[in-house]
Amino acid sequence: MSFRDRLWLRITVGWTFFVWLVFTRNIVGDPKHSFGFKAVHVTLAIISIVLAIGVWVVSSRGRTRDREEVRN
């Protein structure tokens, strides 16, 4: 995986973290939303953040693999 691809993936991961953390904080703190609405959106946030962590791990593996290929 090229450096540019890894950078793009990591920027996307950072943006995902930012958006979902801010959105979750705003939803949980807003008393006009029902518990069900909050539960669904917090669950979606958790799933999105877990997937983003997976993308970060995959992009890191690509960097490690590139380093090993250069050494050989």
PDB file of N, CA and C in Angstrom:
ATOM      1  N   MET A   1       0.846  -1.170   0.000  1.00  0.00           N
ATOM      2  CA  MET A   1       0.000   0.000   0.000  1.00  0.00           C
ATOM      3  C   MET A   1       0.893   1.235   0.000  1.00  0.00           C
ATOM      4  N   SER A   2       0.560   2.163  -0.841  1.00  0.00           N
ATOM      5  CA  SER A   2       1.399   3.350  -0.955  1.00  0.00           C
ATOM      6  C   SER A   2       1.182   4.293   0.239  1.00  0.00           C
ATOM      7  N   PHE A   3       2.143   5.186   0.414  1.00  0.00           N
ATOM      8  CA  PHE A   3       2.052   6.167   1.491  1.00  0.00           C
ATOM      9  C   PHE A   3       0.790   7.012   1.340  1.00  0.00           C
ATOM     10  N   ARG A   4       0.493   7.380   0.125  1.00  0.00           N
ATOM     11  CA  ARG A   4      -0.685   8.217  -0.136  1.00  0.00           C
ATOM     12  C   ARG A   4      -1.983   7.492   0.246  1.00  0.00           C
ATOM     13  N   ASP A   5      -2.051   6.207  -0.062  1.00  0.00           N
ATOM     14  CA  ASP A   5      -3.227   5.420   0.311  1.00  0.00           C
ATOM     15  C   ASP A   5      -3.368   5.320   1.824  1.00  0.00           C
ATOM     16  N   ARG A   6      -2.249   5.052   2.507  1.00  0.00           N
ATOM     17  CA  ARG A   6      -2.282   4.974   3.969  1.00  0.00           C
ATOM     18  C   ARG A   6      -2.693   6.306   4.581  1.00  0.00           C
ATOM     19  N   LEU A   7      -2.174   7.392   4.033  1.00  0.00           N
ATOM     20  CA  LEU A   7      -2.512   8.718   4.540  1.00  0.00           C
ATOM     21  C   LEU A   7      -4.006   8.992   4.373  1.00  0.00           C
ATOM     22  N   TRP A   8      -4.543   8.682   3.210  1.00  0.00           N
ATOM     23  CA  TRP A   8      -5.960   8.891   2.953  1.00  0.00           C
ATOM     24  C   TRP A   8      -6.817   8.077   3.927  1.00  0.00           C
ATOM     25  N   LEU A   9      -6.456   6.821   4.151  1.00  0.00           N
ATOM     26  CA  LEU A   9      -7.202   5.986   5.088  1.00  0.00           C
ATOM     27  C   LEU A   9      -7.137   6.548   6.507  1.00  0.00           C
ATOM     28  N   ARG A  10      -5.978   7.003   6.916  1.00  0.00           N
ATOM     29  CA  ARG A  10      -5.826   7.529   8.271  1.00  0.00           C
ATOM     30  C   ARG A  10      -6.561   8.856   8.459  1.00  0.00           C
ATOM     31  N   ILE A  11      -6.591   9.683   7.443  1.00  0.00           N
ATOM     32  CA  ILE A  11      -7.375  10.921   7.518  1.00  0.00           C
ATOM     33  C   ILE A  11      -8.859  10.576   7.649  1.00  0.00           C
ATOM     34  N   THR A  12      -9.307   9.587   6.907  1.00  0.00           N
ATOM     35  CA  THR A  12     -10.696   9.144   6.991  1.00  0.00           C
ATOM     36  C   THR A  12     -11.019   8.597   8.380  1.00  0.00           C
ATOM     37  N   VAL A  13     -10.095   7.844   8.964  1.00  0.00           N
ATOM     38  CA  VAL A  13     -10.286   7.328  10.319  1.00  0.00           C
ATOM     39  C   VAL A  13     -10.389   8.482  11.318  1.00  0.00           C
ATOM     40  N   GLY A  14      -9.502   9.455  11.201  1.00  0.00           N
ATOM     41  CA  GLY A  14      -9.538  10.606  12.098  1.00  0.00           C
ATOM     42  C   GLY A  14     -10.844  11.368  11.984  1.00  0.00           C
ATOM     43  N   TRP A  15     -11.310  11.557  10.761  1.00  0.00           N
ATOM     44  CA  TRP A  15     -12.566  12.260  10.539  1.00  0.00           C
ATOM     45  C   TRP A  15     -13.731  11.467  11.142  1.00  0.00           C
ATOM     46  N   THR A  16     -13.719  10.151  10.979  1.00  0.00           N
ATOM     47  CA  THR A  16     -14.761   9.303  11.546  1.00  0.00           C
ATOM     48  C   THR A  16     -14.807   9.445  13.065  1.00  0.00           C
ATOM     49  N   PHE A  17     -13.633   9.381  13.710  1.00  0.00           N
ATOM     50  CA  PHE A  17     -13.576   9.568  15.158  1.00  0.00           C
ATOM     51  C   PHE A  17     -14.159  10.918  15.547  1.00  0.00           C
ATOM     52  N   PHE A  18     -13.721  11.963  14.900  1.00  0.00           N
ATOM     53  CA  PHE A  18     -14.167  13.315  15.228  1.00  0.00           C
ATOM     54  C   PHE A  18     -15.682  13.451  15.101  1.00  0.00           C
ATOM     55  N   VAL A  19     -16.214  13.042  13.958  1.00  0.00           N
ATOM     56  CA  VAL A  19     -17.643  13.218  13.693  1.00  0.00           C
ATOM     57  C   VAL A  19     -18.486  12.431  14.693  1.00  0.00           C
ATOM     58  N   TRP A  20     -18.160  11.154  14.893  1.00  0.00           N
ATOM     59  CA  TRP A  20     -18.988  10.346  15.771  1.00  0.00           C
ATOM     60  C   TRP A  20     -18.847  10.745  17.236  1.00  0.00           C
ATOM     61  N   LEU A  21     -17.680  11.134  17.660  1.00  0.00           N
ATOM     62  CA  LEU A  21     -17.534  11.562  19.057  1.00  0.00           C
ATOM     63  C   LEU A  21     -18.306  12.851  19.335  1.00  0.00           C
ATOM     64  N   VAL A  22     -18.223  13.815  18.433  1.00  0.00           N
ATOM     65  CA  VAL A  22     -18.966  15.065  18.603  1.00  0.00           C
ATOM     66  C   VAL A  22     -20.470  14.806  18.515  1.00  0.00           C
ATOM     67  N   PHE A  23     -20.875  14.028  17.530  1.00  0.00           N
ATOM     68  CA  PHE A  23     -22.291  13.728  17.346  1.00  0.00           C
ATOM     69  C   PHE A  23     -22.863  12.997  18.564  1.00  0.00           C
ATOM     70  N   THR A  24     -22.126  12.018  19.075  1.00  0.00           N
ATOM     71  CA  THR A  24     -22.578  11.263  20.246  1.00  0.00           C
ATOM     72  C   THR A  24     -22.685  12.170  21.468  1.00  0.00           C
ATOM     73  N   ARG A  25     -21.703  13.017  21.659  1.00  0.00           N
ATOM     74  CA  ARG A  25     -21.742  13.947  22.796  1.00  0.00           C
ATOM     75  C   ARG A  25     -22.962  14.856  22.700  1.00  0.00           C
ATOM     76  N   ASN A  26     -23.252  15.339  21.509  1.00  0.00           N
ATOM     77  CA  ASN A  26     -24.408  16.222  21.322  1.00  0.00           C
ATOM     78  C   ASN A  26     -25.731  15.484  21.530  1.00  0.00           C
ATOM     79  N   ILE A  27     -25.833  14.268  21.054  1.00  0.00           N
ATOM     80  CA  ILE A  27     -27.074  13.504  21.195  1.00  0.00           C
ATOM     81  C   ILE A  27     -27.327  13.142  22.655  1.00  0.00           C
ATOM     82  N   VAL A  28     -26.308  12.633  23.327  1.00  0.00           N
ATOM     83  CA  VAL A  28     -26.473  12.195  24.708  1.00  0.00           C
ATOM     84  C   VAL A  28     -26.834  13.390  25.602  1.00  0.00           C
ATOM     85  N   GLY A  29     -26.282  14.535  25.323  1.00  0.00           N
ATOM     86  CA  GLY A  29     -26.549  15.710  26.140  1.00  0.00           C
ATOM     87  C   GLY A  29     -27.852  16.431  25.831  1.00  0.00           C
ATOM     88  N   ASP A  30     -28.553  16.010  24.785  1.00  0.00           N
ATOM     89  CA  ASP A  30     -29.781  16.690  24.376  1.00  0.00           C
ATOM     90  C   ASP A  30     -31.000  15.983  24.975  1.00  0.00           C
ATOM     91  N   PRO A  31     -31.736  16.652  25.849  1.00  0.00           N
ATOM     92  CA  PRO A  31     -32.865  15.993  26.525  1.00  0.00           C
ATOM     93  C   PRO A  31     -34.092  15.747  25.641  1.00  0.00           C
ATOM     94  N   LYS A  32     -34.148  16.327  24.460  1.00  0.00           N
ATOM     95  CA  LYS A  32     -35.351  16.158  23.637  1.00  0.00           C
ATOM     96  C   LYS A  32     -35.382  14.831  22.870  1.00  0.00           C
ATOM     97  N   HIS A  33     -34.254  14.096  22.831  1.00  0.00           N
ATOM     98  CA  HIS A  33     -34.228  12.812  22.136  1.00  0.00           C
ATOM     99  C   HIS A  33     -34.585  11.690  23.102  1.00  0.00           C
ATOM    100  N   SER A  34     -35.306  10.690  22.589  1.00  0.00           N
ATOM    101  CA  SER A  34     -35.716   9.555  23.421  1.00  0.00           C
ATOM    102  C   SER A  34     -34.526   8.626  23.683  1.00  0.00           C
ATOM    103  N   PHE A  35     -34.694   7.737  24.648  1.00  0.00           N
ATOM    104  CA  PHE A  35     -33.644   6.779  24.973  1.00  0.00           C
ATOM    105  C   PHE A  35     -33.341   5.876  23.777  1.00  0.00           C
ATOM    106  N   GLY A  36     -34.385   5.427  23.072  1.00  0.00           N
ATOM    107  CA  GLY A  36     -34.185   4.558  21.909  1.00  0.00           C
ATOM    108  C   GLY A  36     -33.344   5.231  20.829  1.00  0.00           C
ATOM    109  N   PHE A  37     -33.644   6.486  20.558  1.00  0.00           N
ATOM    110  CA  PHE A  37     -32.878   7.251  19.563  1.00  0.00           C
ATOM    111  C   PHE A  37     -31.411   7.332  19.969  1.00  0.00           C
ATOM    112  N   LYS A  38     -31.198   7.632  21.248  1.00  0.00           N
ATOM    113  CA  LYS A  38     -29.819   7.728  21.755  1.00  0.00           C
ATOM    114  C   LYS A  38     -29.117   6.389  21.687  1.00  0.00           C
ATOM    115  N   ALA A  39     -29.811   5.323  22.062  1.00  0.00           N
ATOM    116  CA  ALA A  39     -29.201   3.983  22.057  1.00  0.00           C
ATOM    117  C   ALA A  39     -28.800   3.560  20.649  1.00  0.00           C
ATOM    118  N   VAL A  40     -29.675   3.789  19.688  1.00  0.00           N
ATOM    119  CA  VAL A  40     -29.376   3.416  18.299  1.00  0.00           C
ATOM    120  C   VAL A  40     -28.169   4.187  17.782  1.00  0.00           C
ATOM    121  N   HIS A  41     -28.117   5.479  18.027  1.00  0.00           N
ATOM    122  CA  HIS A  41     -27.025   6.287  17.493  1.00  0.00           C
ATOM    123  C   HIS A  41     -25.698   6.037  18.222  1.00  0.00           C
ATOM    124  N   VAL A  42     -25.755   5.762  19.499  1.00  0.00           N
ATOM    125  CA  VAL A  42     -24.523   5.399  20.213  1.00  0.00           C
ATOM    126  C   VAL A  42     -24.012   4.051  19.700  1.00  0.00           C
ATOM    127  N   THR A  43     -24.912   3.113  19.434  1.00  0.00           N
ATOM    128  CA  THR A  43     -24.516   1.822  18.863  1.00  0.00           C
ATOM    129  C   THR A  43     -23.889   2.002  17.487  1.00  0.00           C
ATOM    130  N   LEU A  44     -24.489   2.836  16.648  1.00  0.00           N
ATOM    131  CA  LEU A  44     -23.905   3.122  15.330  1.00  0.00           C
ATOM    132  C   LEU A  44     -22.525   3.755  15.461  1.00  0.00           C
ATOM    133  N   ALA A  45     -22.375   4.640  16.432  1.00  0.00           N
ATOM    134  CA  ALA A  45     -21.079   5.283  16.660  1.00  0.00           C
ATOM    135  C   ALA A  45     -20.033   4.254  17.060  1.00  0.00           C
ATOM    136  N   ILE A  46     -20.398   3.352  17.956  1.00  0.00           N
ATOM    137  CA  ILE A  46     -19.447   2.322  18.402  1.00  0.00           C
ATOM    138  C   ILE A  46     -19.035   1.436  17.235  1.00  0.00           C
ATOM    139  N   ILE A  47     -19.998   1.012  16.438  1.00  0.00           N
ATOM    140  CA  ILE A  47     -19.690   0.165  15.273  1.00  0.00           C
ATOM    141  C   ILE A  47     -18.777   0.909  14.303  1.00  0.00           C
ATOM    142  N   SER A  48     -19.065   2.168  14.020  1.00  0.00           N
ATOM    143  CA  SER A  48     -18.241   2.950  13.089  1.00  0.00           C
ATOM    144  C   SER A  48     -16.827   3.136  13.619  1.00  0.00           C
ATOM    145  N   ILE A  49     -16.692   3.368  14.907  1.00  0.00           N
ATOM    146  CA  ILE A  49     -15.362   3.565  15.490  1.00  0.00           C
ATOM    147  C   ILE A  49     -14.573   2.256  15.478  1.00  0.00           C
ATOM    148  N   VAL A  50     -15.234   1.138  15.755  1.00  0.00           N
ATOM    149  CA  VAL A  50     -14.549  -0.159  15.690  1.00  0.00           C
ATOM    150  C   VAL A  50     -14.080  -0.446  14.262  1.00  0.00           C
ATOM    151  N   LEU A  51     -14.930  -0.167  13.285  1.00  0.00           N
ATOM    152  CA  LEU A  51     -14.522  -0.346  11.890  1.00  0.00           C
ATOM    153  C   LEU A  51     -13.361   0.580  11.525  1.00  0.00           C
ATOM    154  N   ALA A  52     -13.379   1.805  12.027  1.00  0.00           N
ATOM    155  CA  ALA A  52     -12.287   2.748  11.763  1.00  0.00           C
ATOM    156  C   ALA A  52     -10.976   2.238  12.370  1.00  0.00           C
ATOM    157  N   ILE A  53     -11.048   1.668  13.563  1.00  0.00           N
ATOM    158  CA  ILE A  53      -9.840   1.093  14.171  1.00  0.00           C
ATOM    159  C   ILE A  53      -9.320  -0.044  13.307  1.00  0.00           C
ATOM    160  N   GLY A  54     -10.221  -0.854  12.759  1.00  0.00           N
ATOM    161  CA  GLY A  54      -9.813  -1.930  11.847  1.00  0.00           C
ATOM    162  C   GLY A  54      -9.118  -1.398  10.608  1.00  0.00           C
ATOM    163  N   VAL A  55      -9.629  -0.318  10.052  1.00  0.00           N
ATOM    164  CA  VAL A  55      -8.996   0.297   8.879  1.00  0.00           C
ATOM    165  C   VAL A  55      -7.600   0.799   9.240  1.00  0.00           C
ATOM    166  N   TRP A  56      -7.457   1.403  10.417  1.00  0.00           N
ATOM    167  CA  TRP A  56      -6.145   1.888  10.868  1.00  0.00           C
ATOM    168  C   TRP A  56      -5.163   0.716  10.978  1.00  0.00           C
ATOM    169  N   VAL A  57      -5.617  -0.402  11.541  1.00  0.00           N
ATOM    170  CA  VAL A  57      -4.756  -1.578  11.701  1.00  0.00           C
ATOM    171  C   VAL A  57      -4.333  -2.112  10.338  1.00  0.00           C
ATOM    172  N   VAL A  58      -5.264  -2.196   9.412  1.00  0.00           N
ATOM    173  CA  VAL A  58      -4.941  -2.695   8.067  1.00  0.00           C
ATOM    174  C   VAL A  58      -3.939  -1.769   7.387  1.00  0.00           C
ATOM    175  N   SER A  59      -4.119  -0.471   7.516  1.00  0.00           N
ATOM    176  CA  SER A  59      -3.176   0.453   6.879  1.00  0.00           C
ATOM    177  C   SER A  59      -1.801   0.371   7.543  1.00  0.00           C
ATOM    178  N   SER A  60      -1.755   0.088   8.832  1.00  0.00           N
ATOM    179  CA  SER A  60      -0.467  -0.077   9.511  1.00  0.00           C
ATOM    180  C   SER A  60       0.237  -1.346   9.060  1.00  0.00           C
ATOM    181  N   ARG A  61      -0.526  -2.404   8.830  1.00  0.00           N
ATOM    182  CA  ARG A  61       0.063  -3.649   8.337  1.00  0.00           C
ATOM    183  C   ARG A  61       0.683  -3.448   6.959  1.00  0.00           C
ATOM    184  N   GLY A  62       0.051  -2.642   6.139  1.00  0.00           N
ATOM    185  CA  GLY A  62       0.598  -2.352   4.820  1.00  0.00           C
ATOM    186  C   GLY A  62       1.953  -1.678   4.929  1.00  0.00           C
ATOM    187  N   ARG A  63       2.103  -0.781   5.902  1.00  0.00           N
ATOM    188  CA  ARG A  63       3.378  -0.094   6.098  1.00  0.00           C
ATOM    189  C   ARG A  63       4.441  -1.067   6.582  1.00  0.00           C
ATOM    190  N   THR A  64       4.073  -1.947   7.504  1.00  0.00           N
ATOM    191  CA  THR A  64       5.013  -2.934   8.017  1.00  0.00           C
ATOM    192  C   THR A  64       5.458  -3.875   6.904  1.00  0.00           C
ATOM    193  N   ARG A  65       4.519  -4.299   6.078  1.00  0.00           N
ATOM    194  CA  ARG A  65       4.838  -5.197   4.970  1.00  0.00           C
ATOM    195  C   ARG A  65       5.754  -4.512   3.960  1.00  0.00           C
ATOM    196  N   ASP A  66       5.507  -3.213   3.694  1.00  0.00           N
ATOM    197  CA  ASP A  66       6.371  -2.466   2.776  1.00  0.00           C
ATOM    198  C   ASP A  66       7.795  -2.395   3.313  1.00  0.00           C
ATOM    199  N   ARG A  67       7.946  -2.187   4.599  1.00  0.00           N
ATOM    200  CA  ARG A  67       9.281  -2.124   5.199  1.00  0.00           C
ATOM    201  C   ARG A  67       9.994  -3.460   5.072  1.00  0.00           C
ATOM    202  N   GLU A  68       9.261  -4.566   5.290  1.00  0.00           N
ATOM    203  CA  GLU A  68       9.878  -5.893   5.188  1.00  0.00           C
ATOM    204  C   GLU A  68      10.315  -6.184   3.758  1.00  0.00           C
ATOM    205  N   GLU A  69       9.544  -5.749   2.779  1.00  0.00           N
ATOM    206  CA  GLU A  69       9.907  -5.978   1.375  1.00  0.00           C
ATOM    207  C   GLU A  69      11.164  -5.187   0.996  1.00  0.00           C
ATOM    208  N   VAL A  70      11.304  -3.997   1.549  1.00  0.00           N
ATOM    209  CA  VAL A  70      12.483  -3.174   1.253  1.00  0.00           C
ATOM    210  C   VAL A  70      13.726  -3.821   1.843  1.00  0.00           C
ATOM    211  N   ARG A  71      13.607  -4.427   3.017  1.00  0.00           N
ATOM    212  CA  ARG A  71      14.759  -5.064   3.675  1.00  0.00           C
ATOM    213  C   ARG A  71      15.221  -6.299   2.916  1.00  0.00           C
ATOM    214  N   ASN A  72      14.301  -6.996   2.275  1.00  0.00           N
ATOM    215  CA  ASN A  72      14.655  -8.228   1.567  1.00  0.00           C
ATOM    216  C   ASN A  72      15.154  -7.880   0.233  1.00  0.00           C
TER     217      ASN A  72
END
